[in-house]
Amino acid sequence: MNRSANLSEQIYCVDLAKNKFQVHAFSPGGECLQRLTLSRGKFDAFFKNAAHAGAWVVMEACASGHYWSRCFQARGYRTKLVPAQFVARQRIGNKTDGNDADAIFAVHRDPRVRPVPVKSPEQQDLCALHRVRELLVRQRTQYINQARGLLAERGCVAARGEGGMAHLLAQIARSTSADITPPLAELIQLLAAQIHALNAQIGGLETRLQDALAHSAVAQRVDSIFGVGTLTATAFAAEYDANLARFADARQFAASLGVTPSEDSSGERRRLGAITRRGNPYLRKLLVQCAQVILMHAATRQDALCVFARRLMERHKRRHTVIVALANRLARIIYAVIKHDTDYHPHGRAQPV
């Protein structure tokens, strides 16, 4: 085969990096035609070659994968992002850039692996809002826990969270104990100032998320589901937008989020275990929080989700089991409202358990 011919039919499997890129070119039949290690500048120049346009460029769905996919698509390439966890399973030998590129090709040829849709810059902006907010919330929790720990050593205790922190500050203000020394009080005030600043920053990000909800039809449809709020609605819009074509049905969508049981079956024996916890842990956490909200209101509401929750509780299911079942049901409803471009109908007929 002429290796210089039919460049547009080749498949370029790329192991992405910051400065050194591994590029392996394969024929449609699977023959490795070229193995290149390129610097960032040479990598960009290599794919500017018009003779390569129309070829497949396959990469892991990892850092910078969406950026490079958009760049290559603008130059006329066809791109494909494959899930990184499957690449690790296909790797033969040690972890090297060359072995990773070969593993990417193996995943590309596996028809069972669904590619990851390329995110737009707007979707990535919304994802970034969620990540930064989550970071600030985690930092706020660290400051509160540090203050609680320091004060617990001096006999001042209170509940967890911001309410407990406010109670501790009030205790310090009126305390006459010799254990609450001026140096300690000064340190606690320093932590309180940091918490106040973080609260202001988190509030600003949540305002931006409200604005994003107001401008996203997908997020508004998800937000129409009882128990779902701004965070969950905008998080699903950021991750999927309206692109759910890679999921055959709602069951596959729920499974991709890790809220379906793991399975260990053979022959006629079928054994189901705990949930798989696959996929995006942040989205799964939000689903569980929404399920907890639904369970809190299940006794007083008559919509389908609350009826479903009550029926599970009446069958003496454990609370955590009911929450996970609700999270699974929520994932399927989110799939339906996005897929069919419709709002949630809360009083629809409840599905059988």
Foldseek 3Di string as FASTA:
>chain_A
DPLVPPLLQWEWQWEDDDFWIWIWIAHPVGHTRDIDIDTPVVVVVVLLPLSNANHEYEYAPDPCPLVVCVVSVVSRYHYFHFHPVQLVVQFDDDDDNVSSSSSRVVRVPDPVTFTADRADVVLVVLVVLLVVLVVLVVVLQVLQVVLQVVVVVLVDHADGDPVRLVVSLVCLVPDPDPSCPPVSNVVSVVSVVSSVVSVVVSVVSVVVLVVVCVVALLLVQLCLDQLDHSSLSSNCCSRQVLNPVSAPALQSQLLQQQLAWDWDDDDPDTDTHHTRRHHDVVNLVSLLNSLVVLCVCLVPDQFQLSVQLVVCVVVVDDPSVSSSVSSSVSSRVSNVCSNVVHHDDRRPHHDDD
